C-alpha atoms as a PDB file:
ATOM      1  CA  MET A   1      74.192 160.659 109.378  1.00  0.00           C
ATOM      2  CA  ASP A   2      76.025 164.187 110.508  1.00  0.00           C
ATOM      3  CA  LEU A   3      76.944 166.010 107.415  1.00  0.00           C
ATOM      4  CA  PRO A   4      78.170 169.979 107.588  1.00  0.00           C
ATOM      5  CA  LEU A   5      75.678 170.414 104.808  1.00  0.00           C
ATOM      6  CA  ARG A   6      75.361 174.408 103.929  1.00  0.00           C
ATOM      7  CA  ASN A   7      72.444 175.245 102.329  1.00  0.00           C
ATOM      8  CA  SER A   8      71.599 178.022  99.976  1.00  0.00           C
ATOM      9  CA  ARG A   9      69.690 179.704  97.883  1.00  0.00           C
ATOM     10  CA  ILE A  10      70.276 182.225  94.022  1.00  0.00           C
ATOM     11  CA  LYS A  11      67.824 183.457  91.930  1.00  0.00           C
ATOM     12  CA  LEU A  12      68.401 182.521  88.390  1.00  0.00           C
ATOM     13  CA  PRO A  13      66.264 183.950  85.376  1.00  0.00           C
ATOM     14  CA  SER A  14      64.508 180.659  85.511  1.00  0.00           C
ATOM     15  CA  GLY A  15      63.236 180.940  88.666  1.00  0.00           C
ATOM     16  CA  GLN A  16      65.077 180.863  92.660  1.00  0.00           C
ATOM     17  CA  ILE A  17      67.287 177.149  92.688  1.00  0.00           C
ATOM     18  CA  PHE A  18      67.883 175.479  96.267  1.00  0.00           C
ATOM     19  CA  TRP A  19      71.160 173.088  96.526  1.00  0.00           C
ATOM     20  CA  ARG A  20      72.978 171.440  99.310  1.00  0.00           C
ATOM     21  CA  GLU A  21      76.668 172.072  99.838  1.00  0.00           C
ATOM     22  CA  VAL A  22      79.536 170.375 101.405  1.00  0.00           C
ATOM     23  CA  GLY A  23      83.409 169.879 101.537  1.00  0.00           C
ATOM     24  CA  GLN A  24      86.569 170.783 100.077  1.00  0.00           C
ATOM     25  CA  GLY A  25      87.992 170.425  96.654  1.00  0.00           C
ATOM     26  CA  PRO A  26      87.822 168.869  92.961  1.00  0.00           C
ATOM     27  CA  ILE A  27      84.108 170.053  92.636  1.00  0.00           C
ATOM     28  CA  LEU A  28      81.447 167.373  92.160  1.00  0.00           C
ATOM     29  CA  VAL A  29      77.884 168.631  90.721  1.00  0.00           C
ATOM     30  CA  PHE A  30      74.443 165.849  91.113  1.00  0.00           C
ATOM     31  CA  LEU A  31      71.277 166.159  89.827  1.00  0.00           C
ATOM     32  CA  HIS A  32      68.730 164.258  90.394  1.00  0.00           C
ATOM     33  CA  GLY A  33      66.550 161.615  89.191  1.00  0.00           C
ATOM     34  CA  SER A  34      62.675 162.487  88.624  1.00  0.00           C
ATOM     35  CA  TRP A  35      60.318 161.143  91.356  1.00  0.00           C
ATOM     36  CA  SER A  36      63.592 163.090  94.150  1.00  0.00           C
ATOM     37  CA  ASP A  37      65.053 165.791  94.920  1.00  0.00           C
ATOM     38  CA  SER A  38      68.410 166.411  96.354  1.00  0.00           C
ATOM     39  CA  SER A  39      68.576 164.873  98.963  1.00  0.00           C
ATOM     40  CA  GLN A  40      69.160 161.470  97.253  1.00  0.00           C
ATOM     41  CA  TRP A  41      72.521 162.070  96.651  1.00  0.00           C
ATOM     42  CA  LEU A  42      72.864 163.184 101.126  1.00  0.00           C
ATOM     43  CA  SER A  43      74.544 159.233 101.541  1.00  0.00           C
ATOM     44  CA  VAL A  44      76.820 159.366  98.509  1.00  0.00           C
ATOM     45  CA  ILE A  45      78.071 162.592  99.487  1.00  0.00           C
ATOM     46  CA  GLU A  46      78.585 161.395 103.534  1.00  0.00           C
ATOM     47  CA  HIS A  47      81.785 159.487 101.384  1.00  0.00           C
ATOM     48  CA  LEU A  48      82.916 161.202  98.937  1.00  0.00           C
ATOM     49  CA  ASN A  49      83.495 165.305 100.890  1.00  0.00           C
ATOM     50  CA  GLN A  50      86.758 164.571 102.435  1.00  0.00           C
ATOM     51  CA  ASP A  51      87.488 164.487  99.056  1.00  0.00           C
ATOM     52  CA  TYR A  52      85.667 166.628  96.426  1.00  0.00           C
ATOM     53  CA  HIS A  53      83.471 169.991  97.187  1.00  0.00           C
ATOM     54  CA  CYS A  54      79.760 168.192  96.530  1.00  0.00           C
ATOM     55  CA  PHE A  55      77.031 170.270  94.768  1.00  0.00           C
ATOM     56  CA  ALA A  56      73.036 168.340  94.884  1.00  0.00           C
ATOM     57  CA  LEU A  57      70.711 170.713  93.356  1.00  0.00           C
ATOM     58  CA  ASP A  58      67.386 170.001  93.479  1.00  0.00           C
ATOM     59  CA  LEU A  59      66.537 171.136  89.578  1.00  0.00           C
ATOM     60  CA  LEU A  60      63.644 174.309  88.519  1.00  0.00           C
ATOM     61  CA  GLY A  61      60.717 172.812  89.878  1.00  0.00           C
ATOM     62  CA  PHE A  62      61.560 170.524  92.329  1.00  0.00           C
ATOM     63  CA  GLY A  63      62.599 169.869  95.830  1.00  0.00           C
ATOM     64  CA  GLU A  64      62.412 173.316  96.948  1.00  0.00           C
ATOM     65  CA  SER A  65      63.655 175.045  94.122  1.00  0.00           C
ATOM     66  CA  GLU A  66      61.460 177.281  92.934  1.00  0.00           C
ATOM     67  CA  GLN A  67      58.235 175.677  90.322  1.00  0.00           C
ATOM     68  CA  PRO A  68      57.662 178.666  88.638  1.00  0.00           C
ATOM     69  CA  GLN A  69      53.584 177.364  87.008  1.00  0.00           C
ATOM     70  CA  LYS A  70      53.681 180.277  84.190  1.00  0.00           C
ATOM     71  CA  ILE A  71      56.324 178.171  82.541  1.00  0.00           C
ATOM     72  CA  HIS A  72      57.026 175.808  79.545  1.00  0.00           C
ATOM     73  CA  TYR A  73      59.165 172.653  80.941  1.00  0.00           C
ATOM     74  CA  SER A  74      62.060 170.995  79.091  1.00  0.00           C
ATOM     75  CA  ILE A  75      65.373 169.068  79.092  1.00  0.00           C
ATOM     76  CA  GLN A  76      66.177 172.403  78.244  1.00  0.00           C
ATOM     77  CA  LEU A  77      65.303 175.244  79.932  1.00  0.00           C
ATOM     78  CA  GLU A  78      67.272 172.771  82.588  1.00  0.00           C
ATOM     79  CA  VAL A  79      70.297 172.513  81.661  1.00  0.00           C
ATOM     80  CA  GLU A  80      70.093 176.397  80.260  1.00  0.00           C
ATOM     81  CA  CYS A  81      68.990 177.038  84.116  1.00  0.00           C
ATOM     82  CA  LEU A  82      72.309 174.724  85.249  1.00  0.00           C
ATOM     83  CA  PHE A  83      74.686 176.896  82.993  1.00  0.00           C
ATOM     84  CA  LYS A  84      72.830 179.958  84.611  1.00  0.00           C
ATOM     85  CA  TYR A  85      73.820 178.553  88.283  1.00  0.00           C
ATOM     86  CA  LEU A  86      77.162 176.901  87.059  1.00  0.00           C
ATOM     87  CA  GLU A  87      77.656 180.665  85.695  1.00  0.00           C
ATOM     88  CA  ALA A  88      76.803 182.234  88.947  1.00  0.00           C
ATOM     89  CA  LEU A  89      78.812 180.505  91.040  1.00  0.00           C
ATOM     90  CA  ARG A  90      81.786 180.194  89.311  1.00  0.00           C
ATOM     91  CA  LEU A  91      81.987 176.558  89.918  1.00  0.00           C
ATOM     92  CA  GLN A  92      84.626 175.308  86.278  1.00  0.00           C
ATOM     93  CA  PRO A  93      85.043 173.361  84.947  1.00  0.00           C
ATOM     94  CA  VAL A  94      82.870 170.218  86.731  1.00  0.00           C
ATOM     95  CA  TYR A  95      82.452 166.520  87.015  1.00  0.00           C
ATOM     96  CA  LEU A  96      78.770 166.352  86.749  1.00  0.00           C
ATOM     97  CA  ILE A  97      76.785 163.102  87.871  1.00  0.00           C
ATOM     98  CA  GLY A  98      73.274 162.893  86.947  1.00  0.00           C
ATOM     99  CA  HIS A  99      70.814 160.077  88.019  1.00  0.00           C
ATOM    100  CA  SER A 100      67.260 159.122  85.071  1.00  0.00           C
ATOM    101  CA  LEU A 101      66.590 161.924  84.687  1.00  0.00           C
ATOM    102  CA  GLY A 102      69.456 164.511  85.958  1.00  0.00           C
ATOM    103  CA  GLY A 103      71.526 161.648  83.905  1.00  0.00           C
ATOM    104  CA  TRP A 104      69.816 162.611  80.220  1.00  0.00           C
ATOM    105  CA  ILE A 105      69.753 166.559  81.446  1.00  0.00           C
ATOM    106  CA  ALA A 106      73.980 166.689  82.595  1.00  0.00           C
ATOM    107  CA  ALA A 107      74.540 164.597  79.645  1.00  0.00           C
ATOM    108  CA  SER A 108      72.450 167.100  76.866  1.00  0.00           C
ATOM    109  CA  TYR A 109      74.396 169.819  79.140  1.00  0.00           C
ATOM    110  CA  VAL A 110      77.618 167.997  78.315  1.00  0.00           C
ATOM    111  CA  LEU A 111      76.547 168.105  74.540  1.00  0.00           C
ATOM    112  CA  GLN A 112      76.493 171.856  75.047  1.00  0.00           C
ATOM    113  CA  TYR A 113      78.820 173.161  76.753  1.00  0.00           C
ATOM    114  CA  TRP A 114      81.517 170.206  77.209  1.00  0.00           C
ATOM    115  CA  GLU A 115      84.683 172.554  77.651  1.00  0.00           C
ATOM    116  CA  GLN A 116      83.615 173.131  80.936  1.00  0.00           C
ATOM    117  CA  VAL A 117      83.237 169.520  82.606  1.00  0.00           C
ATOM    118  CA  HIS A 118      85.609 167.395  83.768  1.00  0.00           C
ATOM    119  CA  GLY A 119      84.051 163.759  83.376  1.00  0.00           C
ATOM    120  CA  LEU A 120      80.473 162.312  83.378  1.00  0.00           C
ATOM    121  CA  VAL A 121      78.609 160.185  84.712  1.00  0.00           C
ATOM    122  CA  LEU A 122      75.910 158.757  84.234  1.00  0.00           C
ATOM    123  CA  ILE A 123      73.266 156.469  86.504  1.00  0.00           C
ATOM    124  CA  ALA A 124      70.443 154.290  84.899  1.00  0.00           C
ATOM    125  CA  PRO A 125      70.216 157.749  82.207  1.00  0.00           C
ATOM    126  CA  GLU A 126      67.037 158.689  80.631  1.00  0.00           C
ATOM    127  CA  GLY A 127      66.832 160.732  77.688  1.00  0.00           C
ATOM    128  CA  VAL A 128      67.048 158.275  74.089  1.00  0.00           C
ATOM    129  CA  LEU A 129      64.599 156.362  72.401  1.00  0.00           C
ATOM    130  CA  LEU A 130      63.645 152.393  72.908  1.00  0.00           C
ATOM    131  CA  GLU A 131      61.492 150.360  70.920  1.00  0.00           C
ATOM    132  CA  GLY A 132      57.298 150.868  72.318  1.00  0.00           C
ATOM    133  CA  GLN A 133      58.760 154.043  74.088  1.00  0.00           C
ATOM    134  CA  GLN A 134      55.785 156.380  72.453  1.00  0.00           C
ATOM    135  CA  SER A 135      53.051 153.701  73.365  1.00  0.00           C
ATOM    136  CA  SER A 136      54.465 154.048  77.438  1.00  0.00           C
ATOM    137  CA  TRP A 137      53.882 158.008  76.606  1.00  0.00           C
ATOM    138  CA  ARG A 138      50.888 157.720  75.508  1.00  0.00           C
ATOM    139  CA  TRP A 139      49.781 155.346  78.984  1.00  0.00           C
ATOM    140  CA  SER A 140      51.487 157.829  80.904  1.00  0.00           C
ATOM    141  CA  ARG A 141      49.940 160.449  80.327  1.00  0.00           C
ATOM    142  CA  TRP A 142      45.984 159.409  79.924  1.00  0.00           C
ATOM    143  CA  LEU A 143      46.920 158.021  83.795  1.00  0.00           C
ATOM    144  CA  VAL A 144      48.442 161.695  84.543  1.00  0.00           C
ATOM    145  CA  GLY A 145      45.787 163.232  82.543  1.00  0.00           C
ATOM    146  CA  ARG A 146      43.146 165.274  84.343  1.00  0.00           C
ATOM    147  CA  LEU A 147      39.972 162.706  84.484  1.00  0.00           C
ATOM    148  CA  PRO A 148      38.869 162.194  87.671  1.00  0.00           C
ATOM    149  CA  ILE A 149      35.850 161.042  86.546  1.00  0.00           C
ATOM    150  CA  ALA A 150      37.245 157.231  84.743  1.00  0.00           C
ATOM    151  CA  TYR A 151      39.517 157.014  89.040  1.00  0.00           C
ATOM    152  CA  GLY A 152      36.456 157.868  90.302  1.00  0.00           C
ATOM    153  CA  VAL A 153      35.541 154.812  88.915  1.00  0.00           C
ATOM    154  CA  LEU A 154      37.734 152.880  88.712  1.00  0.00           C
ATOM    155  CA  ARG A 155      38.179 153.506  92.744  1.00  0.00           C
ATOM    156  CA  SER A 156      33.780 152.639  93.231  1.00  0.00           C
ATOM    157  CA  LEU A 157      34.989 149.182  91.230  1.00  0.00           C
ATOM    158  CA  LEU A 158      37.934 148.386  93.548  1.00  0.00           C
ATOM    159  CA  PRO A 159      35.525 146.728  96.612  1.00  0.00           C
ATOM    160  CA  LEU A 160      33.764 145.047  93.956  1.00  0.00           C
ATOM    161  CA  ALA A 161      36.955 143.620  92.783  1.00  0.00           C
ATOM    162  CA  LYS A 162      38.538 142.808  95.213  1.00  0.00           C
ATOM    163  CA  ILE A 163      35.645 140.398  96.156  1.00  0.00           C
ATOM    164  CA  LEU A 164      35.618 139.036  92.744  1.00  0.00           C
ATOM    165  CA  ARG A 165      39.792 139.346  93.776  1.00  0.00           C
ATOM    166  CA  ARG A 166      40.365 141.340  90.151  1.00  0.00           C
ATOM    167  CA  ASP A 167      41.636 143.885  92.346  1.00  0.00           C
ATOM    168  CA  LYS A 168      44.591 143.609  91.805  1.00  0.00           C
ATOM    169  CA  LEU A 169      45.363 145.210  88.090  1.00  0.00           C
ATOM    170  CA  ILE A 170      43.160 148.392  89.659  1.00  0.00           C
ATOM    171  CA  GLU A 171      45.702 148.945  92.671  1.00  0.00           C
ATOM    172  CA  GLU A 172      48.176 149.080  89.884  1.00  0.00           C
ATOM    173  CA  ILE A 173      46.830 151.343  87.991  1.00  0.00           C
ATOM    174  CA  LEU A 174      46.011 153.683  91.133  1.00  0.00           C
ATOM    175  CA  GLN A 175      49.522 153.696  92.464  1.00  0.00           C
ATOM    176  CA  LYS A 176      51.476 153.737  89.693  1.00  0.00           C
ATOM    177  CA  ARG A 177      49.166 157.269  88.916  1.00  0.00           C
ATOM    178  CA  ARG A 178      50.559 158.337  92.582  1.00  0.00           C
ATOM    179  CA  GLN A 179      53.454 157.107  91.851  1.00  0.00           C
ATOM    180  CA  LEU A 180      53.963 159.656  88.877  1.00  0.00           C
ATOM    181  CA  LEU A 181      52.062 162.929  90.106  1.00  0.00           C
ATOM    182  CA  SER A 182      54.101 163.012  92.991  1.00  0.00           C
ATOM    183  CA  SER A 183      56.386 164.522  91.444  1.00  0.00           C
ATOM    184  CA  PRO A 184      54.499 166.994  88.870  1.00  0.00           C
ATOM    185  CA  THR A 185      57.218 169.204  87.152  1.00  0.00           C
ATOM    186  CA  ALA A 186      58.989 165.385  86.407  1.00  0.00           C
ATOM    187  CA  CYS A 187      55.103 165.058  84.322  1.00  0.00           C
ATOM    188  CA  LYS A 188      55.925 168.215  82.711  1.00  0.00           C
ATOM    189  CA  LEU A 189      58.711 167.393  81.174  1.00  0.00           C
ATOM    190  CA  LEU A 190      58.344 163.026  81.059  1.00  0.00           C
ATOM    191  CA  PHE A 191      54.646 162.952  79.577  1.00  0.00           C
ATOM    192  CA  GLN A 192      52.582 166.168  79.400  1.00  0.00           C
ATOM    193  CA  ARG A 193      54.792 168.313  76.381  1.00  0.00           C
ATOM    194  CA  ARG A 194      54.250 166.747  72.904  1.00  0.00           C
ATOM    195  CA  TRP A 195      55.986 163.447  71.453  1.00  0.00           C
ATOM    196  CA  SER A 196      57.225 165.348  69.091  1.00  0.00           C
ATOM    197  CA  GLU A 197      59.134 168.026  71.280  1.00  0.00           C
ATOM    198  CA  ILE A 198      59.980 165.044  74.097  1.00  0.00           C
ATOM    199  CA  GLN A 199      61.387 162.829  70.641  1.00  0.00           C
ATOM    200  CA  ALA A 200      63.866 166.657  69.364  1.00  0.00           C
ATOM    201  CA  GLU A 201      65.092 165.925  72.937  1.00  0.00           C
ATOM    202  CA  LEU A 202      66.368 163.087  72.870  1.00  0.00           C
ATOM    203  CA  LEU A 203      70.094 161.714  72.760  1.00  0.00           C
ATOM    204  CA  GLN A 204      70.612 159.211  70.851  1.00  0.00           C
ATOM    205  CA  GLU A 205      71.592 160.834  67.180  1.00  0.00           C
ATOM    206  CA  ARG A 206      74.427 163.078  69.462  1.00  0.00           C
ATOM    207  CA  LEU A 207      75.687 160.681  71.272  1.00  0.00           C
ATOM    208  CA  ASP A 208      78.756 160.196  68.739  1.00  0.00           C
ATOM    209  CA  SER A 209      79.324 163.098  69.817  1.00  0.00           C
ATOM    210  CA  LEU A 210      80.127 163.587  73.285  1.00  0.00           C
ATOM    211  CA  GLN A 211      84.039 163.821  73.536  1.00  0.00           C
ATOM    212  CA  LEU A 212      83.603 163.395  77.221  1.00  0.00           C
ATOM    213  CA  PRO A 213      84.834 160.266  79.356  1.00  0.00           C
ATOM    214  CA  THR A 214      81.663 159.092  81.232  1.00  0.00           C
ATOM    215  CA  LEU A 215      80.965 156.547  83.259  1.00  0.00           C
ATOM    216  CA  ILE A 216      77.773 154.837  82.571  1.00  0.00           C
ATOM    217  CA  LEU A 217      76.963 152.705  86.189  1.00  0.00           C
ATOM    218  CA  GLN A 218      73.820 150.763  85.492  1.00  0.00           C
ATOM    219  CA  GLY A 219      71.716 148.136  88.099  1.00  0.00           C
ATOM    220  CA  LYS A 220      71.661 144.489  86.486  1.00  0.00           C
ATOM    221  CA  LYS A 221      68.250 144.077  88.398  1.00  0.00           C
ATOM    222  CA  ASP A 222      66.990 146.994  87.340  1.00  0.00           C
ATOM    223  CA  HIS A 223      64.429 147.090  84.895  1.00  0.00           C
ATOM    224  CA  SER A 224      64.765 146.082  81.554  1.00  0.00           C
ATOM    225  CA  GLU A 225      64.604 149.400  79.919  1.00  0.00           C
ATOM    226  CA  ALA A 226      66.831 151.104  81.900  1.00  0.00           C
ATOM    227  CA  ILE A 227      69.849 148.646  80.907  1.00  0.00           C
ATOM    228  CA  SER A 228      68.552 148.931  76.824  1.00  0.00           C
ATOM    229  CA  ARG A 229      68.901 152.819  78.079  1.00  0.00           C
ATOM    230  CA  SER A 230      72.526 152.310  79.523  1.00  0.00           C
ATOM    231  CA  GLN A 231      73.466 150.097  76.969  1.00  0.00           C
ATOM    232  CA  ILE A 232      72.588 152.481  74.289  1.00  0.00           C
ATOM    233  CA  TYR A 233      74.455 155.398  75.560  1.00  0.00           C
ATOM    234  CA  ALA A 234      77.508 153.012  76.489  1.00  0.00           C
ATOM    235  CA  SER A 235      77.826 152.041  72.978  1.00  0.00           C
ATOM    236  CA  HIS A 236      77.090 155.387  70.794  1.00  0.00           C
ATOM    237  CA  SER A 237      78.826 156.983  73.121  1.00  0.00           C
ATOM    238  CA  PRO A 238      82.833 157.086  72.669  1.00  0.00           C
ATOM    239  CA  LYS A 239      84.672 157.655  75.311  1.00  0.00           C
ATOM    240  CA  ALA A 240      82.607 155.187  77.855  1.00  0.00           C
ATOM    241  CA  GLN A 241      82.744 152.952  80.209  1.00  0.00           C
ATOM    242  CA  LEU A 242      79.517 150.986  81.298  1.00  0.00           C
ATOM    243  CA  GLN A 243      79.700 149.468  84.843  1.00  0.00           C
ATOM    244  CA  MET A 244      77.269 146.535  85.406  1.00  0.00           C
ATOM    245  CA  ILE A 245      76.775 146.369  89.484  1.00  0.00           C
ATOM    246  CA  SER A 246      75.696 142.944  89.669  1.00  0.00           C
ATOM    247  CA  HIS A 247      73.109 143.156  92.714  1.00  0.00           C
ATOM    248  CA  GLY A 248      72.331 147.106  91.667  1.00  0.00           C
ATOM    249  CA  GLY A 249      68.189 148.151  91.149  1.00  0.00           C
ATOM    250  CA  SER A 250      66.019 150.650  90.575  1.00  0.00           C
ATOM    251  CA  ASN A 251      67.750 153.028  92.879  1.00  0.00           C
ATOM    252  CA  LEU A 252      72.090 152.936  93.507  1.00  0.00           C
ATOM    253  CA  PRO A 253      72.478 156.595  95.238  1.00  0.00           C
ATOM    254  CA  GLU A 254      70.392 155.483  97.865  1.00  0.00           C
ATOM    255  CA  TYR A 255      70.503 151.906  98.049  1.00  0.00           C
ATOM    256  CA  LEU A 256      74.513 150.829  97.609  1.00  0.00           C
ATOM    257  CA  PRO A 257      75.712 154.451  98.393  1.00  0.00           C
ATOM    258  CA  ALA A 258      79.246 153.531  99.309  1.00  0.00           C
ATOM    259  CA  LEU A 259      80.348 151.397  96.217  1.00  0.00           C
ATOM    260  CA  VAL A 260      78.836 154.230  93.647  1.00  0.00           C
ATOM    261  CA  ALA A 261      80.584 156.379  95.541  1.00  0.00           C
ATOM    262  CA  ARG A 262      84.174 153.983  95.250  1.00  0.00           C
ATOM    263  CA  TYR A 263      82.877 153.473  91.596  1.00  0.00           C
ATOM    264  CA  ILE A 264      83.084 157.899  91.376  1.00  0.00           C
ATOM    265  CA  THR A 265      85.621 158.445  92.844  1.00  0.00           C
ATOM    266  CA  GLU A 266      88.150 156.214  90.904  1.00  0.00           C
ATOM    267  CA  PHE A 267      86.577 157.301  88.022  1.00  0.00           C
ATOM    268  CA  VAL A 268      87.771 161.138  88.743  1.00  0.00           C
ATOM    269  CA  SER A 269      91.053 160.026  89.723  1.00  0.00           C
ATOM    270  CA  ASN A 270      91.560 158.424  86.641  1.00  0.00           C
ATOM    271  CA  CYS A 271      90.200 162.071  84.838  1.00  0.00           C
ATOM    272  CA  HIS A 272      93.327 163.870  86.154  1.00  0.00           C
END
């Protein structure tokens, strides 16, 4: 990959934001997923930069953007940070493209600042309530909690569990914890806030106000929860189109970048 990227930073009220930029033309703004950063989009941008002006941000608290410790992270904080970023760079109107957590932030942004956005592309977006989600949230919250003794016991039991061929579950728990803790800000946003606060930022009750052309991309081989969330977005958003990708899994931007870029190109062309 030989993209002529321009890497830049800007100081905003909430903290410094890093972004990668390339190309000229209609403005595409990319928001990454929970366990990634702006590099997630580089393969997609490689297919788009000849025709579009692409901006891929590290969200506040992620990647090379500032990670302020004395701040309460929320979806609304990320939305306001994005607003200040687009305002400072005078990037209006734009096309917002978000994956996972980035999709939740992008949709939340459009519900507040729809006049600044031409169109919305959501890839396996987070941000709507599923049955049993609170129980799953409690489990993940426990996994990322500060219980070193519990995890020390699990690690100490692993050799014995291997002998008894009961090690798979322990290894899965420890691996899941490592994955979650690889993105501390995502943990703060998704698991380390009160459930009532997270619930207040979920979007299923507000999607009927999403009066903007919206494309939802979802891999058929993704987890059933991700598919259900995309279906909720599609069924509740008046101008949404759901595109199921038969051979797609959980990270379409990285595993099928050419196909994602083609869908984005077609969507932007139809929005004109």
